[in-house]
């Protein structure tokens, strides 16, 4: 099996995994509940393409899109800024053209109606009418960043859904995905037993 085929298989597996299931298994790699899906709440997964932006400087975003591969998840570190929106309608169209599958940023967006209409999933901390400015030259692309308190290295696996955002080291992703899917396979059986009158305490503690 080729590396590409293995990657496609892993992606398909991870797209069935809920972040909350992994929350039963591990404690690291989760962004805070402040990171919410601003668009349609769909599950997205892909390798991280990282970009770091200081203050009101969006200079490095177009440079990041030049380096994008189809399926990448753009992870944006907003450094020392908590006011300016770095993402809007124009960046969304450019990202779609570059093949970006989702965007995660620990800051703010604008033009939310246009972003929703375009169909690009975006996780962020909210909206702002105050935007980044042209004429800047800062930031960097494809270096390790810290997004919402989580260290993200280029190529790490980003998994995001209706419950939140998490980062998985690529070397751990397959084992964790298999463990999570095994847990998820048990949930319908547990729910059926509850419907049949068993108590959750009986179900849980009879397994130990």
C-alpha atoms as a PDB file:
ATOM      1  CA  UNK A   1       0.000   0.000   0.000  1.00  0.00           C
ATOM      2  CA  UNK A   2       1.388   3.408  -0.922  1.00  0.00           C
ATOM      3  CA  UNK A   3       1.876   6.268   1.520  1.00  0.00           C
ATOM      4  CA  UNK A   4      -0.795   8.235  -0.337  1.00  0.00           C
ATOM      5  CA  UNK A   5      -3.292   5.372  -0.014  1.00  0.00           C
ATOM      6  CA  UNK A   6      -2.487   5.006   3.690  1.00  0.00           C
ATOM      7  CA  UNK A   7      -3.042   8.719   4.160  1.00  0.00           C
ATOM      8  CA  UNK A   8      -6.417   8.518   2.415  1.00  0.00           C
ATOM      9  CA  UNK A   9      -7.385   5.554   4.599  1.00  0.00           C
ATOM     10  CA  UNK A  10      -6.396   7.420   7.759  1.00  0.00           C
ATOM     11  CA  UNK A  11      -8.319  10.502   6.677  1.00  0.00           C
ATOM     12  CA  UNK A  12     -11.456   8.447   6.080  1.00  0.00           C
ATOM     13  CA  UNK A  13     -11.057   6.838   9.500  1.00  0.00           C
ATOM     14  CA  UNK A  14     -10.553  10.150  11.303  1.00  0.00           C
ATOM     15  CA  UNK A  15     -13.578  11.706   9.610  1.00  0.00           C
ATOM     16  CA  UNK A  16     -15.684   9.161  11.519  1.00  0.00           C
ATOM     17  CA  UNK A  17     -14.124  10.086  14.875  1.00  0.00           C
ATOM     18  CA  UNK A  18     -15.730  12.603  17.230  1.00  0.00           C
ATOM     19  CA  UNK A  19     -13.434  14.925  19.153  1.00  0.00           C
ATOM     20  CA  UNK A  20     -15.511  14.217  22.266  1.00  0.00           C
ATOM     21  CA  UNK A  21     -14.757  10.512  21.951  1.00  0.00           C
ATOM     22  CA  UNK A  22     -11.050  11.262  21.985  1.00  0.00           C
ATOM     23  CA  UNK A  23     -11.787  13.390  25.042  1.00  0.00           C
ATOM     24  CA  UNK A  24     -12.512  10.119  26.870  1.00  0.00           C
ATOM     25  CA  UNK A  25      -9.079   8.798  25.933  1.00  0.00           C
ATOM     26  CA  UNK A  26      -6.569  11.654  26.092  1.00  0.00           C
ATOM     27  CA  UNK A  27      -6.328  15.089  27.688  1.00  0.00           C
ATOM     28  CA  UNK A  28      -3.769  16.865  25.507  1.00  0.00           C
ATOM     29  CA  UNK A  29      -4.204  18.697  22.198  1.00  0.00           C
ATOM     30  CA  UNK A  30      -7.658  20.166  22.778  1.00  0.00           C
ATOM     31  CA  UNK A  31      -8.342  23.833  22.090  1.00  0.00           C
ATOM     32  CA  UNK A  32     -10.589  25.650  24.554  1.00  0.00           C
ATOM     33  CA  UNK A  33     -14.392  25.799  24.305  1.00  0.00           C
ATOM     34  CA  UNK A  34     -13.985  29.410  23.105  1.00  0.00           C
ATOM     35  CA  UNK A  35     -13.115  27.963  19.691  1.00  0.00           C
ATOM     36  CA  UNK A  36     -16.488  27.597  17.985  1.00  0.00           C
ATOM     37  CA  UNK A  37     -17.538  26.691  14.468  1.00  0.00           C
ATOM     38  CA  UNK A  38     -18.793  29.913  12.881  1.00  0.00           C
ATOM     39  CA  UNK A  39     -20.170  28.164   9.809  1.00  0.00           C
ATOM     40  CA  UNK A  40     -21.868  24.826   9.215  1.00  0.00           C
ATOM     41  CA  UNK A  41     -21.042  22.378  11.972  1.00  0.00           C
ATOM     42  CA  UNK A  42     -19.416  19.654   9.943  1.00  0.00           C
ATOM     43  CA  UNK A  43     -16.517  17.374  10.783  1.00  0.00           C
ATOM     44  CA  UNK A  44     -13.208  18.278   9.144  1.00  0.00           C
ATOM     45  CA  UNK A  45      -9.792  16.720   9.238  1.00  0.00           C
ATOM     46  CA  UNK A  46      -6.475  17.361   7.536  1.00  0.00           C
ATOM     47  CA  UNK A  47      -2.792  18.191   7.954  1.00  0.00           C
ATOM     48  CA  UNK A  48      -2.019  21.568   9.493  1.00  0.00           C
ATOM     49  CA  UNK A  49      -0.684  24.411   7.374  1.00  0.00           C
ATOM     50  CA  UNK A  50       0.407  26.959   9.950  1.00  0.00           C
ATOM     51  CA  UNK A  51       0.631  30.738   9.832  1.00  0.00           C
ATOM     52  CA  UNK A  52       1.400  33.284  12.547  1.00  0.00           C
ATOM     53  CA  UNK A  53       0.045  36.855  12.457  1.00  0.00           C
ATOM     54  CA  UNK A  54       0.979  39.735  14.785  1.00  0.00           C
ATOM     55  CA  UNK A  55      -1.441  42.487  15.796  1.00  0.00           C
ATOM     56  CA  UNK A  56      -3.235  44.019  12.773  1.00  0.00           C
ATOM     57  CA  UNK A  57      -0.892  42.376  10.245  1.00  0.00           C
ATOM     58  CA  UNK A  58      -2.372  39.898   7.741  1.00  0.00           C
ATOM     59  CA  UNK A  59       0.625  39.921   5.395  1.00  0.00           C
ATOM     60  CA  UNK A  60       1.511  36.241   5.716  1.00  0.00           C
ATOM     61  CA  UNK A  61      -1.941  34.810   4.960  1.00  0.00           C
ATOM     62  CA  UNK A  62      -1.681  35.043   1.139  1.00  0.00           C
ATOM     63  CA  UNK A  63       1.835  33.604   1.383  1.00  0.00           C
ATOM     64  CA  UNK A  64       0.468  30.633   3.324  1.00  0.00           C
ATOM     65  CA  UNK A  65      -2.146  29.969   0.655  1.00  0.00           C
ATOM     66  CA  UNK A  66       0.614  29.861  -1.967  1.00  0.00           C
ATOM     67  CA  UNK A  67       2.073  26.876  -0.100  1.00  0.00           C
ATOM     68  CA  UNK A  68      -1.217  25.042   0.435  1.00  0.00           C
ATOM     69  CA  UNK A  69      -1.894  21.505  -0.716  1.00  0.00           C
ATOM     70  CA  UNK A  70      -5.469  20.297  -1.307  1.00  0.00           C
ATOM     71  CA  UNK A  71      -6.983  19.122   1.967  1.00  0.00           C
ATOM     72  CA  UNK A  72      -4.794  21.232   4.258  1.00  0.00           C
ATOM     73  CA  UNK A  73      -6.358  22.826   7.332  1.00  0.00           C
ATOM     74  CA  UNK A  74      -5.101  26.369   7.788  1.00  0.00           C
ATOM     75  CA  UNK A  75      -4.200  26.996  11.446  1.00  0.00           C
ATOM     76  CA  UNK A  76      -3.714  30.689  12.285  1.00  0.00           C
ATOM     77  CA  UNK A  77      -1.976  31.902  15.421  1.00  0.00           C
ATOM     78  CA  UNK A  78      -3.011  35.477  16.241  1.00  0.00           C
ATOM     79  CA  UNK A  79      -0.151  36.113  18.641  1.00  0.00           C
ATOM     80  CA  UNK A  80      -0.725  39.311  20.632  1.00  0.00           C
ATOM     81  CA  UNK A  81      -3.995  40.465  19.034  1.00  0.00           C
ATOM     82  CA  UNK A  82      -7.512  40.063  20.410  1.00  0.00           C
ATOM     83  CA  UNK A  83      -9.418  42.625  18.320  1.00  0.00           C
ATOM     84  CA  UNK A  84      -8.714  42.465  14.579  1.00  0.00           C
ATOM     85  CA  UNK A  85     -10.438  40.109  12.158  1.00  0.00           C
ATOM     86  CA  UNK A  86      -7.860  38.533   9.866  1.00  0.00           C
ATOM     87  CA  UNK A  87     -10.334  36.432   7.868  1.00  0.00           C
ATOM     88  CA  UNK A  88     -13.213  37.438   5.606  1.00  0.00           C
ATOM     89  CA  UNK A  89     -14.862  36.940   2.233  1.00  0.00           C
ATOM     90  CA  UNK A  90     -11.805  37.486   0.028  1.00  0.00           C
ATOM     91  CA  UNK A  91      -9.559  35.185   2.055  1.00  0.00           C
ATOM     92  CA  UNK A  92     -12.292  32.541   2.006  1.00  0.00           C
ATOM     93  CA  UNK A  93     -12.477  32.521  -1.797  1.00  0.00           C
ATOM     94  CA  UNK A  94      -8.693  32.407  -2.066  1.00  0.00           C
ATOM     95  CA  UNK A  95      -8.553  29.514   0.411  1.00  0.00           C
ATOM     96  CA  UNK A  96     -11.150  27.532  -1.522  1.00  0.00           C
ATOM     97  CA  UNK A  97      -9.191  28.044  -4.729  1.00  0.00           C
ATOM     98  CA  UNK A  98      -6.074  26.767  -2.951  1.00  0.00           C
ATOM     99  CA  UNK A  99      -7.868  23.620  -1.770  1.00  0.00           C
ATOM    100  CA  UNK A 100      -7.971  24.482   1.929  1.00  0.00           C
ATOM    101  CA  UNK A 101     -10.511  22.210   3.650  1.00  0.00           C
ATOM    102  CA  UNK A 102     -11.029  24.247   6.844  1.00  0.00           C
ATOM    103  CA  UNK A 103      -9.659  27.182   8.838  1.00  0.00           C
ATOM    104  CA  UNK A 104      -8.884  27.319  12.557  1.00  0.00           C
ATOM    105  CA  UNK A 105      -7.859  30.645  14.118  1.00  0.00           C
ATOM    106  CA  UNK A 106      -7.615  31.799  17.699  1.00  0.00           C
ATOM    107  CA  UNK A 107      -9.033  35.190  16.826  1.00  0.00           C
ATOM    108  CA  UNK A 108     -11.844  36.835  14.909  1.00  0.00           C
ATOM    109  CA  UNK A 109     -13.461  36.862  11.490  1.00  0.00           C
ATOM    110  CA  UNK A 110     -15.600  39.258   9.501  1.00  0.00           C
ATOM    111  CA  UNK A 111     -18.031  38.810   6.557  1.00  0.00           C
ATOM    112  CA  UNK A 112     -19.590  35.789   8.238  1.00  0.00           C
ATOM    113  CA  UNK A 113     -22.535  35.709   5.806  1.00  0.00           C
ATOM    114  CA  UNK A 114     -20.212  35.430   2.816  1.00  0.00           C
ATOM    115  CA  UNK A 115     -18.093  32.792   4.557  1.00  0.00           C
ATOM    116  CA  UNK A 116     -21.175  30.698   5.320  1.00  0.00           C
ATOM    117  CA  UNK A 117     -22.441  31.069   1.760  1.00  0.00           C
ATOM    118  CA  UNK A 118     -19.069  29.909   0.399  1.00  0.00           C
ATOM    119  CA  UNK A 119     -19.219  26.745   2.499  1.00  0.00           C
ATOM    120  CA  UNK A 120     -15.722  26.826   4.012  1.00  0.00           C
ATOM    121  CA  UNK A 121     -15.760  25.563   7.616  1.00  0.00           C
ATOM    122  CA  UNK A 122     -14.152  28.045  10.029  1.00  0.00           C
ATOM    123  CA  UNK A 123     -13.488  27.668  13.744  1.00  0.00           C
ATOM    124  CA  UNK A 124     -12.713  30.911  15.577  1.00  0.00           C
ATOM    125  CA  UNK A 125     -13.428  32.945  18.726  1.00  0.00           C
ATOM    126  CA  UNK A 126     -16.011  35.287  17.235  1.00  0.00           C
ATOM    127  CA  UNK A 127     -16.571  38.249  14.922  1.00  0.00           C
ATOM    128  CA  UNK A 128     -15.119  41.733  14.633  1.00  0.00           C
ATOM    129  CA  UNK A 129     -15.597  44.632  12.190  1.00  0.00           C
ATOM    130  CA  UNK A 130     -12.045  45.849  12.883  1.00  0.00           C
ATOM    131  CA  UNK A 131      -9.781  44.202  10.312  1.00  0.00           C
ATOM    132  CA  UNK A 132      -6.107  43.650   9.629  1.00  0.00           C
ATOM    133  CA  UNK A 133      -4.352  46.283   7.494  1.00  0.00           C
ATOM    134  CA  UNK A 134      -2.364  46.236   4.264  1.00  0.00           C
ATOM    135  CA  UNK A 135       1.180  47.546   4.020  1.00  0.00           C
ATOM    136  CA  UNK A 136       2.552  45.207   6.706  1.00  0.00           C
ATOM    137  CA  UNK A 137       5.335  42.641   6.356  1.00  0.00           C
ATOM    138  CA  UNK A 138       5.187  40.482   9.489  1.00  0.00           C
ATOM    139  CA  UNK A 139       4.253  36.979  10.471  1.00  0.00           C
ATOM    140  CA  UNK A 140       5.549  33.629   9.272  1.00  0.00           C
ATOM    141  CA  UNK A 141       4.381  30.510   7.450  1.00  0.00           C
ATOM    142  CA  UNK A 142       4.870  26.782   8.079  1.00  0.00           C
ATOM    143  CA  UNK A 143       6.582  27.089  11.427  1.00  0.00           C
ATOM    144  CA  UNK A 144       5.420  25.728  14.771  1.00  0.00           C
ATOM    145  CA  UNK A 145       2.691  27.919  16.278  1.00  0.00           C
ATOM    146  CA  UNK A 146       0.607  27.990  19.435  1.00  0.00           C
ATOM    147  CA  UNK A 147      -3.068  28.310  18.556  1.00  0.00           C
ATOM    148  CA  UNK A 148      -5.430  28.795  21.499  1.00  0.00           C
ATOM    149  CA  UNK A 149      -2.818  27.337  23.831  1.00  0.00           C
ATOM    150  CA  UNK A 150      -2.092  24.235  21.743  1.00  0.00           C
ATOM    151  CA  UNK A 151       1.257  23.718  20.047  1.00  0.00           C
ATOM    152  CA  UNK A 152       0.771  22.951  16.343  1.00  0.00           C
ATOM    153  CA  UNK A 153       3.570  21.778  14.082  1.00  0.00           C
ATOM    154  CA  UNK A 154       3.134  21.796  10.283  1.00  0.00           C
ATOM    155  CA  UNK A 155       1.746  18.415   9.269  1.00  0.00           C
ATOM    156  CA  UNK A 156       0.052  17.686  12.597  1.00  0.00           C
ATOM    157  CA  UNK A 157      -3.466  16.337  12.186  1.00  0.00           C
ATOM    158  CA  UNK A 158      -6.290  18.798  12.853  1.00  0.00           C
ATOM    159  CA  UNK A 159      -9.658  17.295  13.786  1.00  0.00           C
ATOM    160  CA  UNK A 160     -12.589  19.692  14.227  1.00  0.00           C
ATOM    161  CA  UNK A 161     -16.317  19.137  14.657  1.00  0.00           C
ATOM    162  CA  UNK A 162     -19.421  20.453  16.429  1.00  0.00           C
ATOM    163  CA  UNK A 163     -17.747  19.856  19.796  1.00  0.00           C
ATOM    164  CA  UNK A 164     -14.472  21.673  19.165  1.00  0.00           C
ATOM    165  CA  UNK A 165     -10.953  21.473  17.765  1.00  0.00           C
ATOM    166  CA  UNK A 166      -8.047  19.195  18.589  1.00  0.00           C
ATOM    167  CA  UNK A 167      -4.547  18.548  17.298  1.00  0.00           C
ATOM    168  CA  UNK A 168      -3.042  15.071  16.924  1.00  0.00           C
ATOM    169  CA  UNK A 169       0.600  14.282  16.175  1.00  0.00           C
ATOM    170  CA  UNK A 170       0.610  12.409  12.877  1.00  0.00           C
ATOM    171  CA  UNK A 171       2.384   9.399  14.398  1.00  0.00           C
ATOM    172  CA  UNK A 172      -0.389   8.931  16.998  1.00  0.00           C
ATOM    173  CA  UNK A 173      -3.381   9.542  14.786  1.00  0.00           C
ATOM    174  CA  UNK A 174      -4.090   6.029  13.502  1.00  0.00           C
ATOM    175  CA  UNK A 175      -3.895   4.302  16.891  1.00  0.00           C
ATOM    176  CA  UNK A 176      -6.092   6.935  18.525  1.00  0.00           C
ATOM    177  CA  UNK A 177      -8.603   6.802  15.676  1.00  0.00           C
ATOM    178  CA  UNK A 178      -8.970   3.032  16.020  1.00  0.00           C
ATOM    179  CA  UNK A 179      -9.412   3.353  19.778  1.00  0.00           C
ATOM    180  CA  UNK A 180     -12.047   6.063  19.370  1.00  0.00           C
ATOM    181  CA  UNK A 181     -13.985   4.125  16.746  1.00  0.00           C
ATOM    182  CA  UNK A 182     -14.068   1.085  19.024  1.00  0.00           C
ATOM    183  CA  UNK A 183     -15.591   3.246  21.772  1.00  0.00           C
ATOM    184  CA  UNK A 184     -18.125   4.765  19.376  1.00  0.00           C
ATOM    185  CA  UNK A 185     -19.171   1.300  18.207  1.00  0.00           C
ATOM    186  CA  UNK A 186     -20.197   0.464  21.789  1.00  0.00           C
ATOM    187  CA  UNK A 187     -22.359   3.541  22.317  1.00  0.00           C
ATOM    188  CA  UNK A 188     -25.450   2.345  20.375  1.00  0.00           C
ATOM    189  CA  UNK A 189     -25.335  -0.919  22.322  1.00  0.00           C
ATOM    190  CA  UNK A 190     -25.218   0.955  25.634  1.00  0.00           C
ATOM    191  CA  UNK A 191     -28.114   3.200  24.592  1.00  0.00           C
ATOM    192  CA  UNK A 192     -30.143   0.126  23.573  1.00  0.00           C
ATOM    193  CA  UNK A 193     -29.555  -1.437  26.989  1.00  0.00           C
ATOM    194  CA  UNK A 194     -30.724   1.784  28.680  1.00  0.00           C
ATOM    195  CA  UNK A 195     -33.871   1.743  26.521  1.00  0.00           C
ATOM    196  CA  UNK A 196     -34.436  -1.822  27.698  1.00  0.00           C
ATOM    197  CA  UNK A 197     -34.458  -0.686  31.302  1.00  0.00           C
ATOM    198  CA  UNK A 198     -30.929  -1.236  32.555  1.00  0.00           C
ATOM    199  CA  UNK A 199     -29.364   1.504  34.638  1.00  0.00           C
ATOM    200  CA  UNK A 200     -26.233   3.211  33.417  1.00  0.00           C
ATOM    201  CA  UNK A 201     -24.491   2.341  36.688  1.00  0.00           C
ATOM    202  CA  UNK A 202     -25.179  -1.352  36.115  1.00  0.00           C
ATOM    203  CA  UNK A 203     -23.910  -1.180  32.555  1.00  0.00           C
ATOM    204  CA  UNK A 204     -20.753   0.757  33.399  1.00  0.00           C
ATOM    205  CA  UNK A 205     -19.712  -1.011  36.567  1.00  0.00           C
ATOM    206  CA  UNK A 206     -20.497  -4.515  35.378  1.00  0.00           C
ATOM    207  CA  UNK A 207     -17.655  -4.050  32.912  1.00  0.00           C
ATOM    208  CA  UNK A 208     -15.059  -3.628  35.688  1.00  0.00           C
END
